[in-house]
Protein backbone atom coordinates (compact mmCIF):
# COMPACT_ATOMS: atom_id res chain seq x y z
CA MET A 1 129.70 113.31 73.65
CA ARG A 2 132.29 116.06 73.53
CA ALA A 3 130.92 119.50 72.74
CA SER A 4 132.35 122.78 73.99
CA PHE A 5 131.47 126.37 73.14
CA PRO A 6 134.30 128.59 74.42
CA GLU A 7 133.34 131.41 72.03
CA ARG A 8 129.63 131.24 72.90
CA PRO A 9 129.36 129.69 76.38
CA GLU A 10 125.62 130.29 76.65
CA ALA A 11 125.20 127.47 74.11
CA GLY A 12 126.45 125.05 76.79
CA PRO A 13 123.42 125.23 79.13
CA ALA A 14 121.16 125.46 76.08
CA LEU A 15 122.57 122.16 74.82
CA ALA A 16 122.15 120.63 78.28
CA ARG A 17 118.47 121.56 78.18
CA VAL A 18 118.03 120.09 74.70
CA LEU A 19 119.67 116.82 75.74
CA LEU A 20 117.47 116.71 78.85
CA ASP A 21 114.32 117.09 76.76
CA GLN A 22 115.51 114.51 74.20
CA VAL A 23 116.29 111.91 76.87
CA ALA A 24 112.95 112.58 78.59
CA ALA A 25 111.13 112.02 75.29
CA GLY A 26 112.99 108.78 74.60
CA GLU A 27 114.70 110.29 71.57
CA ARG A 28 118.19 109.82 73.02
CA PRO A 29 119.72 107.21 75.38
CA PRO A 30 121.43 108.15 78.66
CA THR A 31 124.11 110.65 77.67
CA VAL A 32 127.46 111.67 79.12
CA ARG A 33 128.87 114.98 77.92
CA VAL A 34 132.40 116.20 78.53
CA SER A 35 133.28 119.81 77.82
CA ARG A 36 136.04 122.33 78.41
CA PRO A 37 134.32 125.71 78.41
CA GLY A 38 137.41 127.91 78.80
CA ARG A 39 137.28 131.19 80.73
CA VAL A 40 133.64 131.45 81.67
CA VAL A 41 131.70 132.70 84.67
CA ALA A 42 128.49 130.76 85.32
CA PHE A 43 125.77 132.69 87.15
CA GLY A 44 123.00 130.97 89.08
CA ARG A 45 119.37 131.98 89.36
CA ARG A 46 119.87 133.87 92.62
CA ASP A 47 122.71 135.84 91.04
CA THR A 48 120.59 136.92 88.07
CA VAL A 49 117.95 138.50 90.31
CA SER A 50 120.49 140.24 92.53
CA PRO A 51 120.70 144.06 92.34
CA GLY A 52 124.44 143.63 91.81
CA TYR A 53 124.07 141.37 88.77
CA PRO A 54 124.78 144.00 86.07
CA ALA A 55 127.87 145.14 87.99
CA ALA A 56 128.99 141.53 88.40
CA VAL A 57 128.68 140.95 84.65
CA ALA A 58 130.72 144.09 84.01
CA ALA A 59 133.37 142.95 86.50
CA MET A 60 133.51 139.58 84.76
CA ARG A 61 134.02 141.15 81.36
CA ALA A 62 136.73 143.45 82.71
CA THR A 63 138.80 140.37 83.55
CA GLY A 64 138.43 138.95 80.03
CA PHE A 65 135.97 136.20 80.96
CA ARG A 66 132.80 135.37 79.09
CA GLY A 67 129.57 134.51 80.88
CA MET A 68 126.52 132.30 80.93
CA GLU A 69 123.45 131.70 83.08
CA ARG A 70 123.49 128.12 84.25
CA LEU A 71 120.86 125.45 83.80
CA THR A 72 121.13 124.22 87.39
CA GLY A 73 120.86 126.24 90.61
CA GLY A 74 123.53 127.46 92.98
CA ARG A 75 125.54 130.66 93.07
CA VAL A 76 128.25 132.02 90.83
CA ALA A 77 131.14 129.75 89.82
CA ALA A 78 133.98 130.10 87.33
CA HIS A 79 135.73 127.95 84.75
CA ALA A 80 139.14 128.42 83.16
CA GLU A 81 141.54 126.48 80.95
CA GLY A 82 142.08 123.87 83.65
CA THR A 83 138.38 123.23 84.31
CA MET A 84 136.14 120.54 82.87
CA VAL A 85 132.40 120.07 82.92
CA LEU A 86 130.88 116.60 83.04
CA THR A 87 127.13 116.09 82.65
CA LEU A 88 125.04 112.95 83.00
CA THR A 89 121.55 112.97 81.50
CA THR A 90 119.42 109.96 82.33
CA PRO A 91 115.81 108.85 81.87
CA GLU A 92 113.98 108.90 85.21
CA PRO A 93 110.33 107.83 85.56
CA ALA A 94 110.11 109.66 88.91
CA PRO A 95 113.09 112.05 88.93
CA ALA A 96 112.29 113.78 92.22
CA GLU A 97 112.46 110.48 94.10
CA GLY A 98 116.06 109.90 93.06
CA THR A 99 117.49 113.34 93.78
CA GLY A 100 119.53 112.33 96.80
CA ALA A 101 120.76 109.11 95.21
CA ARG A 102 122.01 110.97 92.15
CA PHE A 103 123.84 113.51 94.30
CA ARG A 104 125.47 110.72 96.31
CA PHE A 105 126.46 108.78 93.20
CA GLY A 106 127.88 111.86 91.48
CA ALA A 107 129.81 113.14 94.48
CA GLU A 108 131.34 109.74 95.13
CA LEU A 109 132.21 109.33 91.45
CA VAL A 110 134.21 112.56 91.46
CA ARG A 111 135.79 111.90 94.84
CA VAL A 112 137.00 108.42 93.90
CA ALA A 113 138.24 109.53 90.48
CA LEU A 114 140.35 112.27 92.08
CA ALA A 115 141.56 109.83 94.74
CA ASP A 116 142.69 107.52 91.93
CA LEU A 117 145.09 110.31 90.96
CA GLY A 118 146.44 110.64 94.48
CA VAL A 119 144.37 113.68 95.42
CA ASP A 120 143.10 113.86 99.01
CA ALA A 121 139.50 114.35 97.89
CA ARG A 122 136.67 114.36 100.43
CA LEU A 123 132.92 114.85 100.43
CA GLY A 124 131.37 118.04 101.75
CA PRO A 125 131.74 121.83 101.59
CA VAL A 126 134.44 123.89 103.26
CA PRO A 127 133.57 127.06 105.18
CA GLY A 128 133.60 130.14 102.97
CA GLU A 129 133.63 128.29 99.63
CA TYR A 130 132.19 129.80 96.45
CA CYS A 131 128.88 128.32 95.21
CA PRO A 132 128.47 126.42 98.48
CA GLY A 133 126.72 123.08 98.36
CA GLU A 134 126.19 120.04 100.53
CA TRP A 135 127.65 117.78 97.85
CA SER A 136 130.80 119.76 97.07
CA ILE A 137 134.06 117.85 96.74
CA ASN A 138 136.88 119.35 98.76
CA GLY A 139 140.60 118.81 98.92
CA ALA A 140 142.08 117.88 102.31
CA GLY A 141 139.20 119.68 104.03
CA ARG A 142 140.62 123.04 102.91
CA ILE A 143 139.78 123.87 99.30
CA LYS A 144 136.87 123.33 96.94
CA LEU A 145 137.70 121.12 93.95
CA ALA A 146 134.31 120.39 92.41
CA GLY A 147 130.63 121.22 92.60
CA ILE A 148 127.49 119.37 91.52
CA GLY A 149 124.05 120.57 90.46
CA GLN A 150 120.85 118.99 89.17
CA ARG A 151 117.94 119.83 86.93
CA MET A 152 114.87 117.63 86.49
CA VAL A 153 112.01 117.51 84.00
CA LYS A 154 109.23 114.99 83.66
CA GLY A 155 110.96 111.78 82.61
CA ALA A 156 114.62 112.73 82.96
CA ALA A 157 117.32 114.28 85.13
CA HIS A 158 120.50 116.20 84.41
CA VAL A 159 123.43 116.08 86.82
CA GLY A 160 126.26 118.52 86.10
CA PHE A 161 129.76 118.55 87.58
CA VAL A 162 132.35 121.32 87.46
CA ILE A 163 135.82 120.01 88.33
CA VAL A 164 138.90 122.24 88.64
CA ALA A 165 142.05 120.34 87.74
CA THR A 166 144.49 123.25 87.40
CA GLY A 167 144.55 127.04 87.52
CA SER A 168 143.02 127.96 90.87
CA ALA A 169 144.68 131.40 90.76
CA THR A 170 142.83 132.18 87.52
CA ILE A 171 139.55 131.13 89.11
CA ARG A 172 140.18 133.43 92.06
CA SER A 173 141.11 136.35 89.82
CA VAL A 174 137.58 136.61 88.46
CA LEU A 175 135.57 135.36 91.44
CA VAL A 176 136.95 138.07 93.73
CA PRO A 177 135.53 141.08 91.82
CA VAL A 178 132.35 139.22 90.82
CA HIS A 179 131.58 138.25 94.42
CA GLU A 180 132.25 141.80 95.52
CA ALA A 181 129.78 143.14 92.93
CA LEU A 182 127.13 140.64 94.03
CA GLY A 183 127.71 141.44 97.68
CA LEU A 184 128.57 137.82 98.53
CA GLU A 185 130.95 136.92 101.30
CA TRP A 186 133.42 134.11 100.71
CA ASP A 187 137.03 133.13 101.35
CA PRO A 188 139.17 133.25 98.17
CA ALA A 189 141.62 130.81 99.76
CA THR A 190 139.00 128.08 99.39
CA ALA A 191 139.09 128.19 95.57
CA GLY A 192 141.40 125.32 94.72
CA ALA A 193 142.40 122.80 92.07
CA ALA A 194 143.53 119.18 92.07
CA GLU A 195 147.08 120.21 91.18
CA ASP A 196 147.28 122.24 94.41
CA LEU A 197 147.27 118.95 96.31
CA ARG A 198 148.91 116.72 93.72
CA PRO A 199 151.42 118.73 91.63
CA GLY A 200 151.64 117.52 88.06
CA VAL A 201 148.03 116.39 87.76
CA SER A 202 146.57 117.66 84.49
CA LEU A 203 143.13 118.26 83.08
CA ASP A 204 143.62 115.26 80.79
CA ASP A 205 144.42 113.12 83.84
CA VAL A 206 141.24 114.18 85.61
CA GLU A 207 139.08 113.59 82.55
CA ALA A 208 140.58 110.14 81.98
CA ALA A 209 140.06 109.17 85.64
CA LEU A 210 136.41 110.24 85.58
CA LEU A 211 135.64 108.44 82.33
CA ALA A 212 137.41 105.32 83.57
CA ARG A 213 135.22 105.26 86.66
CA LEU A 214 132.09 105.74 84.56
CA ALA A 215 133.15 103.02 82.13
CA ALA A 216 133.68 100.60 85.02
CA GLY A 217 129.95 100.57 85.69
CA SER A 218 128.55 100.85 82.16
CA THR A 219 129.48 100.80 78.49
CA LEU A 220 130.44 104.16 77.01
CA ALA A 221 130.30 104.84 73.27
CA GLU A 222 131.64 108.02 71.70
CA VAL A 223 128.99 109.96 69.75
CA GLU A 224 129.20 113.21 67.82
CA LEU A 225 126.91 116.17 68.39
CA ASP A 226 124.49 115.92 65.48
CA ARG A 227 123.57 118.93 63.42
CA ALA A 228 119.91 119.05 64.44
CA THR A 229 120.73 119.02 68.14
CA ARG A 230 123.42 121.66 67.71
CA GLU A 231 120.98 123.92 65.87
CA LEU A 232 118.42 123.55 68.65
CA ALA A 233 121.05 124.49 71.22
CA GLU A 234 122.21 127.49 69.23
CA ALA A 235 118.62 128.65 68.76
CA GLY A 236 118.04 128.62 72.51
CA ALA A 237 121.43 129.97 73.58
CA ASP A 238 120.39 133.60 74.06
CA ARG A 239 118.13 132.56 76.94
CA TYR A 240 121.30 131.81 78.92
CA ARG A 241 123.31 134.89 77.89
CA PRO A 242 124.18 137.49 80.54
CA PRO A 243 122.95 141.00 79.71
CA ARG A 244 125.03 143.28 77.56
CA PRO A 245 125.32 146.99 78.30
CA GLY A 246 121.95 148.59 77.61
CA ASP A 247 120.01 145.32 77.81
CA ARG A 248 116.96 145.01 79.99
CA VAL A 249 117.72 142.26 82.50
CA ALA A 250 115.15 139.58 81.67
CA PRO A 251 113.73 137.21 84.29
CA TRP A 252 115.15 133.72 84.65
CA PRO A 253 114.01 131.55 81.71
CA ARG A 254 110.85 129.63 82.53
CA THR A 255 109.91 126.35 80.87
CA LYS A 256 106.90 124.08 80.99
CA ASN A 257 108.84 121.47 82.98
């Protein structure tokens, strides 16, 4: 499935939640979604409860980026024209038991796909990276190239990947003021892209490499986003929208699962 919402990025995590619920209910088979969100800052739960959150949202908007509150955990991250998001939504009878295995599978998938393109991709975080995580993918031990997050409900799991193919300078341009507003320490030099290590690599190249690796282990079939699912995502999108000036900052969305 290919579905992107560059003009309304909050519909992205809303769609991810709808797909998660549909897979859990047996209404949809395991689903791969590829999207290119454009210039978007994704805030995590800890960011949204930070005293600096309103200032961070204002700093984001001053740079011309849009925003969303992510479905999975972690801290603030950014997307731009050279960034892709890949999500895997799978039925899981006991999702909590497979958390580590899904992280390992996902991290290795991204690492090997980037290595196929000649990128020196390695597992693990680098000191000072943005949205730090144990399962980050780094380049040459110096720069962050991709991050992974998970969300589970009864009967299914969602694994989301953010991979930066090109445009690391654009990522840094928004993360610097946003981190400052949130009071987070980090090293801007760690925000990288695949092209920084392998000049000429494009977003299309990275997408093709990832899908080729996925197709090697299973059969992929292209499906369109159906109208009913799109409408459900659009109806829930405001739950993932950063506050506008004058808004009361609402608590993180809570669900039954």
